């Protein structure tokens, strides 16, 4: 055999081997490596997005926490203001109620004084009649002379 034929046979075998490797091994391995590279790139991009979203979420949570603290402070301030208003209103109501009770007591006292004065007048009339009976030693008609005695008491 000649070297040329052997060389052509080897070249032909090498080309068949290269075509076989390219078709059945090289392309699938390259595709697999490209897919893996793409998955790794996607994973890194997703990790980057996740990190960015985490930072945004932390900022939002910090903002929400600040707003919540402000709102809580406002609610506390409003509650304190309302409590002060309620206390002042209760003081006013207590003062009004106290004045009303004092006026009621004064009115009751005036009524009691008037009732006692009327009782005293009646007792005075009875005593006056009794004294007049003793002085005159005769009986005075209380009904007939009661009006006259009442007028005299009013003048006193």
N, C-alpha and C. Protein backbone atom coordinates (compact mmCIF):
# COMPACT_ATOMS: atom_id res chain seq x y z
N UNK A 1 0.84 -1.14 0.00
CA UNK A 1 0.00 0.00 0.00
C UNK A 1 0.90 1.22 0.00
N UNK A 2 0.26 2.12 -0.54
CA UNK A 2 1.07 3.31 -0.69
C UNK A 2 0.70 4.30 0.40
N UNK A 3 1.62 5.17 0.59
CA UNK A 3 1.44 6.16 1.65
C UNK A 3 0.32 7.09 1.27
N UNK A 4 0.13 7.38 0.05
CA UNK A 4 -0.89 8.30 -0.37
C UNK A 4 -2.26 7.72 -0.05
N UNK A 5 -2.45 6.49 -0.36
CA UNK A 5 -3.76 5.89 -0.12
C UNK A 5 -3.97 5.82 1.39
N UNK A 6 -2.99 5.48 2.09
CA UNK A 6 -3.11 5.39 3.52
C UNK A 6 -3.37 6.80 4.08
N UNK A 7 -2.64 7.74 3.53
CA UNK A 7 -2.84 9.12 3.99
C UNK A 7 -4.25 9.58 3.68
N UNK A 8 -4.74 9.31 2.48
CA UNK A 8 -6.12 9.68 2.14
C UNK A 8 -7.12 8.93 3.00
N UNK A 9 -6.82 7.68 3.31
CA UNK A 9 -7.71 6.90 4.18
C UNK A 9 -7.74 7.50 5.58
N UNK A 10 -6.58 7.86 6.06
CA UNK A 10 -6.52 8.45 7.38
C UNK A 10 -7.21 9.82 7.40
N UNK A 11 -6.99 10.62 6.31
CA UNK A 11 -7.62 11.91 6.23
C UNK A 11 -9.14 11.72 6.19
N UNK A 12 -9.59 10.75 5.39
CA UNK A 12 -11.03 10.48 5.26
C UNK A 12 -11.58 10.01 6.61
N UNK A 13 -10.86 9.16 7.30
CA UNK A 13 -11.31 8.68 8.59
C UNK A 13 -11.33 9.85 9.59
N UNK A 14 -10.30 10.70 9.52
CA UNK A 14 -10.25 11.84 10.43
C UNK A 14 -11.42 12.78 10.17
N UNK A 15 -11.73 13.04 8.88
CA UNK A 15 -12.86 13.91 8.54
C UNK A 15 -14.17 13.30 9.02
N UNK A 16 -14.32 11.99 8.84
CA UNK A 16 -15.55 11.32 9.31
C UNK A 16 -15.62 11.45 10.83
N UNK A 17 -14.48 11.27 11.51
CA UNK A 17 -14.45 11.40 12.95
C UNK A 17 -14.79 12.83 13.37
N UNK A 18 -14.23 13.82 12.67
CA UNK A 18 -14.52 15.21 13.00
C UNK A 18 -16.00 15.52 12.77
N UNK A 19 -16.56 15.06 11.64
CA UNK A 19 -17.98 15.29 11.35
C UNK A 19 -18.86 14.59 12.39
N UNK A 20 -18.47 13.37 12.74
CA UNK A 20 -19.22 12.63 13.75
C UNK A 20 -19.17 13.37 15.09
N UNK A 21 -17.97 13.78 15.49
CA UNK A 21 -17.83 14.49 16.76
C UNK A 21 -18.58 15.81 16.74
N UNK A 22 -18.51 16.52 15.59
CA UNK A 22 -19.19 17.81 15.49
C UNK A 22 -20.69 17.63 15.56
N UNK A 23 -21.20 16.60 14.85
CA UNK A 23 -22.65 16.42 14.79
C UNK A 23 -23.19 15.84 16.10
N UNK A 24 -22.54 14.86 16.64
CA UNK A 24 -23.13 14.16 17.78
C UNK A 24 -22.57 14.58 19.13
N UNK A 25 -21.40 15.18 19.18
CA UNK A 25 -20.84 15.56 20.46
C UNK A 25 -20.63 17.07 20.59
N UNK A 26 -20.03 17.70 19.62
CA UNK A 26 -19.68 19.11 19.74
C UNK A 26 -20.90 20.01 19.88
N UNK A 27 -21.86 19.85 18.98
CA UNK A 27 -23.06 20.70 19.00
C UNK A 27 -23.86 20.48 20.29
N UNK A 28 -24.15 19.24 20.72
CA UNK A 28 -24.89 19.09 21.98
C UNK A 28 -24.11 19.63 23.19
N UNK A 29 -22.78 19.41 23.20
CA UNK A 29 -21.99 19.91 24.33
C UNK A 29 -21.99 21.44 24.32
N UNK A 30 -21.85 22.04 23.13
CA UNK A 30 -21.88 23.50 23.02
C UNK A 30 -23.24 24.04 23.43
N UNK A 31 -24.30 23.40 22.93
CA UNK A 31 -25.67 23.83 23.32
C UNK A 31 -25.87 23.71 24.83
N UNK A 32 -25.37 22.59 25.38
CA UNK A 32 -25.52 22.38 26.81
C UNK A 32 -24.74 23.45 27.58
N UNK A 33 -23.55 23.78 27.12
CA UNK A 33 -22.74 24.80 27.79
C UNK A 33 -23.38 26.18 27.63
N UNK A 34 -23.97 26.46 26.46
CA UNK A 34 -24.66 27.74 26.28
C UNK A 34 -25.88 27.82 27.19
N UNK A 35 -26.63 26.72 27.27
CA UNK A 35 -27.80 26.69 28.17
C UNK A 35 -27.38 26.90 29.62
N UNK A 36 -26.27 26.22 30.00
CA UNK A 36 -25.79 26.38 31.37
C UNK A 36 -25.32 27.81 31.61
N UNK A 37 -24.62 28.39 30.63
CA UNK A 37 -24.17 29.78 30.76
C UNK A 37 -25.36 30.71 30.87
N UNK A 38 -26.40 30.44 30.07
CA UNK A 38 -27.61 31.25 30.11
C UNK A 38 -28.31 31.10 31.46
N UNK A 39 -28.38 29.88 31.99
CA UNK A 39 -29.01 29.66 33.30
C UNK A 39 -28.23 30.36 34.40
N UNK A 40 -26.92 30.29 34.33
CA UNK A 40 -26.09 30.96 35.33
C UNK A 40 -26.29 32.46 35.23
N UNK A 41 -26.32 33.00 33.99
CA UNK A 41 -26.54 34.44 33.81
C UNK A 41 -27.92 34.83 34.32
N UNK A 42 -28.94 34.00 33.99
CA UNK A 42 -30.29 34.27 34.50
C UNK A 42 -30.33 34.23 36.02
N UNK A 43 -29.63 33.25 36.60
CA UNK A 43 -29.58 33.14 38.05
C UNK A 43 -28.90 34.34 38.69
N UNK A 44 -27.80 34.79 38.07
CA UNK A 44 -27.12 35.99 38.59
C UNK A 44 -28.00 37.22 38.44
N UNK A 45 -28.69 37.33 37.29
CA UNK A 45 -29.60 38.47 37.10
C UNK A 45 -30.74 38.41 38.11
N UNK A 46 -31.27 37.20 38.35
CA UNK A 46 -32.34 37.06 39.33
C UNK A 46 -31.84 37.40 40.72
N UNK A 47 -30.61 37.00 41.03
CA UNK A 47 -30.03 37.33 42.34
C UNK A 47 -29.85 38.84 42.45
N UNK A 48 -29.40 39.47 41.37
CA UNK A 48 -29.24 40.92 41.36
C UNK A 48 -30.60 41.61 41.55
N UNK A 49 -31.61 41.12 40.83
CA UNK A 49 -32.96 41.68 40.99
C UNK A 49 -33.47 41.46 42.41
N UNK A 50 -33.21 40.27 42.94
CA UNK A 50 -33.63 39.97 44.31
C UNK A 50 -32.96 40.89 45.31
N UNK A 51 -31.67 41.15 45.11
CA UNK A 51 -30.96 42.06 45.99
C UNK A 51 -31.54 43.47 45.89
N UNK A 52 -31.80 43.89 44.65
CA UNK A 52 -32.38 45.22 44.43
C UNK A 52 -33.78 45.30 45.06
N UNK A 53 -34.58 44.26 44.85
CA UNK A 53 -35.92 44.25 45.43
C UNK A 53 -35.85 44.21 46.96
N UNK A 54 -34.85 43.51 47.51
CA UNK A 54 -34.67 43.47 48.96
C UNK A 54 -34.35 44.87 49.48
N UNK A 55 -33.48 45.58 48.79
CA UNK A 55 -33.15 46.95 49.20
C UNK A 55 -34.40 47.84 49.13
N UNK A 56 -35.16 47.70 48.04
CA UNK A 56 -36.40 48.49 47.92
C UNK A 56 -37.39 48.14 49.03
N UNK A 57 -37.50 46.85 49.33
CA UNK A 57 -38.42 46.41 50.38
C UNK A 57 -37.97 46.96 51.74
N UNK A 58 -36.65 46.96 51.97
CA UNK A 58 -36.16 47.52 53.23
C UNK A 58 -36.44 49.01 53.32
N UNK A 59 -36.27 49.71 52.19
CA UNK A 59 -36.58 51.14 52.19
C UNK A 59 -38.06 51.37 52.43
N UNK A 60 -38.90 50.56 51.76
CA UNK A 60 -40.36 50.71 51.96
C UNK A 60 -40.73 50.39 53.40
N UNK A 61 -40.13 49.35 53.96
CA UNK A 61 -40.47 49.01 55.35
C UNK A 61 -39.99 50.10 56.29
N UNK A 62 -38.81 50.69 56.01
CA UNK A 62 -38.34 51.80 56.85
C UNK A 62 -39.29 53.00 56.73
N UNK A 63 -39.75 53.29 55.51
CA UNK A 63 -40.69 54.39 55.31
C UNK A 63 -42.01 54.10 56.01
N UNK A 64 -42.50 52.87 55.87
CA UNK A 64 -43.75 52.50 56.54
C UNK A 64 -43.59 52.58 58.06
N UNK A 65 -42.43 52.18 58.56
CA UNK A 65 -42.20 52.25 59.99
C UNK A 65 -42.18 53.70 60.45
N UNK A 66 -41.52 54.59 59.68
CA UNK A 66 -41.50 56.01 60.02
C UNK A 66 -42.92 56.58 60.00
N UNK A 67 -43.67 56.23 58.95
CA UNK A 67 -45.04 56.74 58.85
C UNK A 67 -45.89 56.20 59.99
N UNK A 68 -45.68 54.93 60.33
CA UNK A 68 -46.43 54.34 61.45
C UNK A 68 -46.12 55.04 62.76
N UNK A 69 -44.83 55.36 62.96
CA UNK A 69 -44.45 56.07 64.18
C UNK A 69 -45.07 57.47 64.20
N UNK A 70 -45.06 58.14 63.03
CA UNK A 70 -45.68 59.48 62.97
C UNK A 70 -47.17 59.38 63.27
N UNK A 71 -47.80 58.39 62.65
CA UNK A 71 -49.25 58.23 62.86
C UNK A 71 -49.55 57.89 64.31
N UNK A 72 -48.72 57.02 64.90
CA UNK A 72 -48.92 56.68 66.32
C UNK A 72 -48.73 57.92 67.18
N UNK A 73 -47.73 58.72 66.84
CA UNK A 73 -47.51 59.96 67.59
C UNK A 73 -48.71 60.89 67.45
N UNK A 74 -49.24 61.00 66.24
CA UNK A 74 -50.43 61.83 66.02
C UNK A 74 -51.61 61.31 66.81
N UNK A 75 -51.78 59.98 66.81
CA UNK A 75 -52.91 59.39 67.55
C UNK A 75 -52.76 59.66 69.04
N UNK A 76 -51.53 59.53 69.54
CA UNK A 76 -51.30 59.79 70.97
C UNK A 76 -51.58 61.25 71.29
N UNK A 77 -51.11 62.14 70.40
CA UNK A 77 -51.35 63.57 70.62
C UNK A 77 -52.85 63.86 70.60
N UNK A 78 -53.56 63.27 69.62
CA UNK A 78 -55.01 63.46 69.55
C UNK A 78 -55.69 62.91 70.80
N UNK A 79 -55.24 61.74 71.26
CA UNK A 79 -55.84 61.15 72.45
C UNK A 79 -55.61 62.03 73.66
N UNK A 80 -54.39 62.57 73.79
CA UNK A 80 -54.11 63.46 74.92
C UNK A 80 -54.95 64.73 74.84
N UNK A 81 -55.08 65.26 73.63
CA UNK A 81 -55.90 66.46 73.43
C UNK A 81 -57.35 66.17 73.80
N UNK A 82 -57.84 65.04 73.32
CA UNK A 82 -59.23 64.67 73.60
C UNK A 82 -59.42 64.43 75.10
N UNK A 83 -58.44 63.80 75.74
CA UNK A 83 -58.54 63.57 77.18
C UNK A 83 -58.60 64.89 77.93
N UNK A 84 -57.78 65.85 77.50
CA UNK A 84 -57.79 67.17 78.13
C UNK A 84 -59.15 67.83 77.93
N UNK A 85 -59.68 67.72 76.70
CA UNK A 85 -61.01 68.29 76.43
C UNK A 85 -62.07 67.64 77.30
N UNK A 86 -62.00 66.32 77.43
CA UNK A 86 -62.99 65.60 78.25
C UNK A 86 -62.88 66.04 79.71
N UNK A 87 -61.65 66.20 80.19
CA UNK A 87 -61.45 66.64 81.57
C UNK A 87 -62.02 68.03 81.77
N UNK A 88 -61.72 68.94 80.83
CA UNK A 88 -62.25 70.31 80.94
C UNK A 88 -63.77 70.31 80.88
N UNK A 89 -64.32 69.49 79.99
CA UNK A 89 -65.78 69.41 79.87
C UNK A 89 -66.38 68.86 81.16
N UNK A 90 -65.72 67.85 81.75
CA UNK A 90 -66.21 67.28 83.00
C UNK A 90 -66.14 68.31 84.13
N UNK A 91 -65.05 69.12 84.13
CA UNK A 91 -64.94 70.18 85.14
C UNK A 91 -66.08 71.18 84.98
N UNK A 92 -66.35 71.58 83.73
CA UNK A 92 -67.44 72.53 83.49
C UNK A 92 -68.77 71.94 83.92
N UNK A 93 -69.00 70.67 83.55
CA UNK A 93 -70.25 70.03 83.93
C UNK A 93 -70.36 69.93 85.45
N UNK A 94 -69.24 69.60 86.11
CA UNK A 94 -69.24 69.52 87.57
C UNK A 94 -69.54 70.87 88.19
N UNK A 95 -68.94 71.91 87.61
CA UNK A 95 -69.18 73.26 88.12
C UNK A 95 -70.64 73.64 87.93
N UNK A 96 -71.17 73.35 86.75
CA UNK A 96 -72.59 73.66 86.48
C UNK A 96 -73.49 72.87 87.42
N UNK A 97 -73.16 71.58 87.61
CA UNK A 97 -73.98 70.74 88.49
C UNK A 97 -73.88 71.24 89.93
N UNK A 98 -72.67 71.63 90.34
CA UNK A 98 -72.50 72.17 91.70
C UNK A 98 -73.31 73.43 91.90
N UNK A 99 -73.26 74.33 90.91
CA UNK A 99 -74.05 75.57 91.02
C UNK A 99 -75.53 75.26 91.07
N UNK A 100 -75.96 74.30 90.24
CA UNK A 100 -77.38 73.93 90.23
C UNK A 100 -77.80 73.38 91.59
N UNK A 101 -76.95 72.52 92.17
CA UNK A 101 -77.29 71.96 93.48
C UNK A 101 -77.28 73.03 94.56
N UNK A 102 -76.32 73.98 94.46
CA UNK A 102 -76.30 75.08 95.43
C UNK A 102 -77.58 75.91 95.31
N UNK A 103 -77.97 76.22 94.07
CA UNK A 103 -79.21 76.99 93.86
C UNK A 103 -80.41 76.22 94.37
N UNK A 104 -80.41 74.93 94.13
CA UNK A 104 -81.52 74.09 94.62
C UNK A 104 -81.55 74.11 96.14
N UNK A 105 -80.37 73.99 96.77
CA UNK A 105 -80.31 74.00 98.23
C UNK A 105 -80.75 75.36 98.78
N UNK A 106 -80.31 76.44 98.08
CA UNK A 106 -80.73 77.77 98.52
C UNK A 106 -82.25 77.93 98.39
N UNK A 107 -82.80 77.41 97.28
CA UNK A 107 -84.25 77.47 97.11
C UNK A 107 -84.97 76.69 98.19
N UNK A 108 -84.44 75.51 98.49
CA UNK A 108 -85.06 74.70 99.54
C UNK A 108 -84.93 75.40 100.90
N UNK A 109 -83.79 76.05 101.13
CA UNK A 109 -83.59 76.78 102.37
C UNK A 109 -84.59 77.94 102.47
N UNK A 110 -84.77 78.66 101.37
CA UNK A 110 -85.74 79.77 101.36
C UNK A 110 -87.14 79.24 101.64
N UNK A 111 -87.48 78.11 101.02
CA UNK A 111 -88.80 77.53 101.26
C UNK A 111 -88.96 77.13 102.73
N UNK A 112 -87.89 76.53 103.27
CA UNK A 112 -87.94 76.11 104.67
C UNK A 112 -88.06 77.34 105.58
N UNK A 113 -87.30 78.39 105.24
CA UNK A 113 -87.39 79.63 106.04
C UNK A 113 -88.80 80.19 105.97
N UNK A 114 -89.38 80.24 104.76
CA UNK A 114 -90.74 80.76 104.61
C UNK A 114 -91.75 79.90 105.37
N UNK A 115 -91.54 78.58 105.30
CA UNK A 115 -92.45 77.68 106.03
C UNK A 115 -92.32 77.90 107.53
N UNK A 116 -91.07 78.04 107.99
CA UNK A 116 -90.87 78.28 109.42
C UNK A 116 -91.46 79.63 109.84
N UNK A 117 -91.30 80.66 108.99
CA UNK A 117 -91.89 81.96 109.31
C UNK A 117 -93.40 81.85 109.41
N UNK A 118 -93.99 81.10 108.46
CA UNK A 118 -95.45 80.92 108.50
C UNK A 118 -95.86 80.18 109.77
N UNK A 119 -95.07 79.13 110.13
CA UNK A 119 -95.37 78.41 111.36
C UNK A 119 -95.24 79.33 112.58
N UNK A 120 -94.18 80.15 112.58
CA UNK A 120 -94.00 81.08 113.69
C UNK A 120 -95.15 82.08 113.78
N UNK A 121 -95.58 82.56 112.62
CA UNK A 121 -96.70 83.51 112.62
C UNK A 121 -97.95 82.85 113.21
N UNK A 122 -98.18 81.59 112.78
CA UNK A 122 -99.36 80.90 113.30
C UNK A 122 -99.24 80.71 114.82
N UNK A 123 -98.01 80.31 115.24
CA UNK A 123 -97.82 80.12 116.67
C UNK A 123 -97.94 81.46 117.41
N UNK A 124 -97.41 82.53 116.78
CA UNK A 124 -97.52 83.84 117.39
C UNK A 124 -98.97 84.27 117.51
N UNK A 125 -99.75 83.98 116.42
CA UNK A 125 -101.17 84.32 116.47
C UNK A 125 -101.85 83.53 117.58
N UNK A 126 -101.51 82.24 117.65
CA UNK A 126 -102.14 81.41 118.69
C UNK A 126 -101.76 81.92 120.09
N UNK A 127 -100.45 82.26 120.25
CA UNK A 127 -100.01 82.78 121.54
C UNK A 127 -100.66 84.14 121.86
N UNK A 128 -100.76 84.97 120.81
CA UNK A 128 -101.38 86.28 121.00
C UNK A 128 -102.84 86.11 121.41
N UNK A 129 -103.52 85.20 120.72
CA UNK A 129 -104.93 84.94 121.06
C UNK A 129 -105.03 84.41 122.48
N UNK A 130 -104.11 83.50 122.82
CA UNK A 130 -104.15 82.93 124.16
C UNK A 130 -103.87 84.01 125.20
N UNK A 131 -102.90 84.87 124.89
CA UNK A 131 -102.57 85.95 125.82
C UNK A 131 -103.74 86.92 125.93
N UNK A 132 -104.35 87.22 124.79
CA UNK A 132 -105.49 88.14 124.82
C UNK A 132 -106.64 87.53 125.60
N UNK A 133 -106.85 86.24 125.48
CA UNK A 133 -107.91 85.57 126.24
C UNK A 133 -107.64 85.69 127.73
N UNK A 134 -106.38 85.51 128.07
CA UNK A 134 -106.05 85.58 129.50
C UNK A 134 -106.20 87.01 130.01
N UNK A 135 -105.78 87.93 129.15
CA UNK A 135 -105.87 89.33 129.58
C UNK A 135 -107.33 89.71 129.71
N UNK A 136 -108.10 89.42 128.77
CA UNK A 136 -109.49 89.83 128.80
C UNK A 136 -110.34 88.85 129.61
N UNK A 137 -109.83 87.74 129.90
CA UNK A 137 -110.49 86.68 130.60
C UNK A 137 -111.83 86.38 129.98
N UNK A 138 -111.75 86.41 128.77
CA UNK A 138 -112.91 85.97 128.04
C UNK A 138 -112.44 85.35 126.75
N UNK A 139 -113.27 84.71 126.12
CA UNK A 139 -112.87 83.97 124.93
C UNK A 139 -112.97 84.85 123.71
N UNK A 140 -111.92 84.84 122.93
CA UNK A 140 -111.92 85.59 121.68
C UNK A 140 -112.13 84.59 120.57
N UNK A 141 -112.95 84.98 119.63
CA UNK A 141 -113.21 84.09 118.49
C UNK A 141 -112.03 84.17 117.53
N UNK A 142 -111.23 83.12 117.38
CA UNK A 142 -110.05 83.18 116.50
C UNK A 142 -110.43 83.41 115.04
N UNK A 143 -111.54 82.93 114.62
CA UNK A 143 -111.93 83.12 113.23
C UNK A 143 -112.29 84.56 112.96
N UNK A 144 -112.96 85.20 113.90
CA UNK A 144 -113.41 86.56 113.71
C UNK A 144 -112.26 87.54 113.83
N UNK A 145 -111.40 87.33 114.75
CA UNK A 145 -110.32 88.28 114.99
C UNK A 145 -109.01 87.87 114.33
N UNK A 146 -108.95 86.68 113.66
CA UNK A 146 -107.74 86.17 113.02
C UNK A 146 -107.22 87.10 111.95
N UNK A 147 -108.14 87.67 111.17
CA UNK A 147 -107.74 88.58 110.10
C UNK A 147 -107.10 89.83 110.69
N UNK A 148 -107.72 90.35 111.71
CA UNK A 148 -107.18 91.54 112.35
C UNK A 148 -105.80 91.28 112.94
N UNK A 149 -105.61 90.15 113.55
CA UNK A 149 -104.32 89.80 114.13
C UNK A 149 -103.26 89.58 113.06
N UNK A 150 -103.66 88.96 111.94
CA UNK A 150 -102.72 88.75 110.83
C UNK A 150 -102.24 90.08 110.28
N UNK A 151 -103.12 91.03 110.16
CA UNK A 151 -102.72 92.36 109.68
C UNK A 151 -101.76 93.01 110.68
N UNK A 152 -102.01 92.82 111.92
CA UNK A 152 -101.13 93.40 112.93
C UNK A 152 -99.74 92.73 112.88
N UNK A 153 -99.71 91.44 112.64
CA UNK A 153 -98.43 90.71 112.57
C UNK A 153 -97.64 91.21 111.36
N UNK A 154 -98.32 91.43 110.26
CA UNK A 154 -97.61 91.91 109.06
C UNK A 154 -97.02 93.27 109.27
N UNK A 155 -97.68 94.08 110.05
CA UNK A 155 -97.15 95.42 110.35
C UNK A 155 -95.94 95.33 111.25
N UNK A 156 -95.87 94.29 112.08
CA UNK A 156 -94.72 94.13 112.98
C UNK A 156 -93.53 93.72 112.16
